[in-house]
Amino acid sequence: MDPVTLIMLVAMFAMLYFFMIRPENKRKKEAQQMRDSLKVGDIITTIGGIVGTICKVNENTIIIETSADRVRIEFTKWAVSTKNVAPEQPTT
């Protein structure tokens, strides 16, 4: 095998790692840290688009309230897509 070809092959694998694999692993790690930091009172959005406030956190699941009717639903933590910032309460 030609040394130039070998160098190009190694360079392509290095580019693949740095542009695709490494950023994906970083995103997964950040998502796991976010899910591990969930606490009561956080407002979350699930991967299915359901928005609610966490009212109980277990080891692998969370229970959220989804509306003013106090509907409670239990989800696994991996189903949490984002943790939203709570809206500020208006001062009167």
Protein backbone atom coordinates (compact mmCIF):
# COMPACT_ATOMS: atom_id res chain seq x y z
CA MET A 1 0.00 0.00 0.00
CA ASP A 2 1.27 3.42 -0.95
CA PRO A 3 2.25 5.62 2.07
CA VAL A 4 0.24 8.57 0.70
CA THR A 5 -2.88 6.41 0.49
CA LEU A 6 -2.34 5.19 4.03
CA ILE A 7 -1.95 8.76 5.33
CA MET A 8 -5.12 9.84 3.50
CA LEU A 9 -7.03 6.88 4.95
CA VAL A 10 -5.89 7.71 8.49
CA ALA A 11 -6.76 11.39 7.93
CA MET A 12 -10.28 10.46 6.76
CA PHE A 13 -10.89 8.34 9.86
CA ALA A 14 -9.57 11.14 12.08
CA MET A 15 -11.93 13.63 10.41
CA LEU A 16 -14.83 11.20 10.81
CA TYR A 17 -14.08 10.91 14.53
CA PHE A 18 -13.66 14.65 15.19
CA PHE A 19 -16.61 15.83 13.07
CA MET A 20 -19.19 13.10 13.75
CA ILE A 21 -18.49 10.69 16.60
CA ARG A 22 -16.99 13.03 19.20
CA PRO A 23 -19.72 15.74 19.00
CA GLU A 24 -22.45 13.07 19.24
CA ASN A 25 -20.87 11.59 22.37
CA LYS A 26 -20.65 15.09 23.86
CA ARG A 27 -24.38 15.71 23.18
CA LYS A 28 -25.29 12.36 24.79
CA LYS A 29 -23.22 13.18 27.87
CA GLU A 30 -24.84 16.63 28.22
CA ALA A 31 -28.34 15.12 27.85
CA GLN A 32 -27.57 12.52 30.54
CA GLN A 33 -26.27 15.20 32.91
CA MET A 34 -29.46 17.23 32.33
CA ARG A 35 -31.63 14.17 33.07
CA ASP A 36 -29.62 13.36 36.20
CA SER A 37 -30.07 16.94 37.49
CA LEU A 38 -33.89 16.97 37.26
CA LYS A 39 -35.61 18.07 40.46
CA VAL A 40 -39.09 18.83 41.73
CA GLY A 41 -40.41 22.09 40.29
CA ASP A 42 -38.49 21.95 37.00
CA ILE A 43 -40.55 22.48 33.85
CA ILE A 44 -39.70 19.89 31.19
CA THR A 45 -40.67 18.91 27.66
CA THR A 46 -40.76 15.22 26.73
CA ILE A 47 -39.65 13.77 23.41
CA GLY A 48 -43.36 13.46 22.58
CA GLY A 49 -43.92 17.19 23.13
CA ILE A 50 -45.71 17.02 26.48
CA VAL A 51 -44.87 19.96 28.74
CA GLY A 52 -45.24 19.72 32.50
CA THR A 53 -43.84 20.50 35.93
CA ILE A 54 -42.01 17.76 37.82
CA CYS A 55 -43.75 16.85 41.08
CA LYS A 56 -41.77 13.69 41.98
CA VAL A 57 -38.39 12.28 40.96
CA ASN A 58 -37.55 8.58 41.31
CA GLU A 59 -34.37 6.75 40.30
CA ASN A 60 -35.45 6.01 36.71
CA THR A 61 -38.78 7.83 36.41
CA ILE A 62 -40.36 11.21 37.00
CA ILE A 63 -43.96 12.23 37.61
CA ILE A 64 -45.13 15.47 36.05
CA GLU A 65 -48.26 17.62 36.27
CA THR A 66 -49.32 18.68 32.80
CA SER A 67 -52.07 21.26 33.31
CA ALA A 68 -54.08 23.34 35.71
CA ASP A 69 -56.31 20.25 36.19
CA ARG A 70 -53.33 18.64 37.97
CA VAL A 71 -53.19 15.68 35.59
CA ARG A 72 -50.17 13.56 36.61
CA ILE A 73 -48.23 11.35 34.20
CA GLU A 74 -45.21 9.15 34.90
CA PHE A 75 -42.32 9.07 32.40
CA THR A 76 -38.94 7.43 32.30
CA LYS A 77 -36.11 9.94 32.56
CA TRP A 78 -34.79 9.15 29.08
CA ALA A 79 -38.06 10.52 27.65
CA VAL A 80 -37.17 14.06 28.79
CA SER A 81 -36.07 16.15 25.84
CA THR A 82 -35.42 19.57 27.38
CA LYS A 83 -35.54 21.34 30.72
CA ASN A 84 -37.25 24.70 30.27
CA VAL A 85 -36.83 27.86 32.27
CA ALA A 86 -39.83 28.59 34.47
CA PRO A 87 -41.72 31.72 33.36
CA GLU A 88 -41.35 34.65 35.72
CA GLN A 89 -44.35 35.46 37.85
CA PRO A 90 -45.76 38.93 37.11
CA THR A 91 -45.49 41.35 39.99
CA THR A 92 -48.60 43.31 40.87
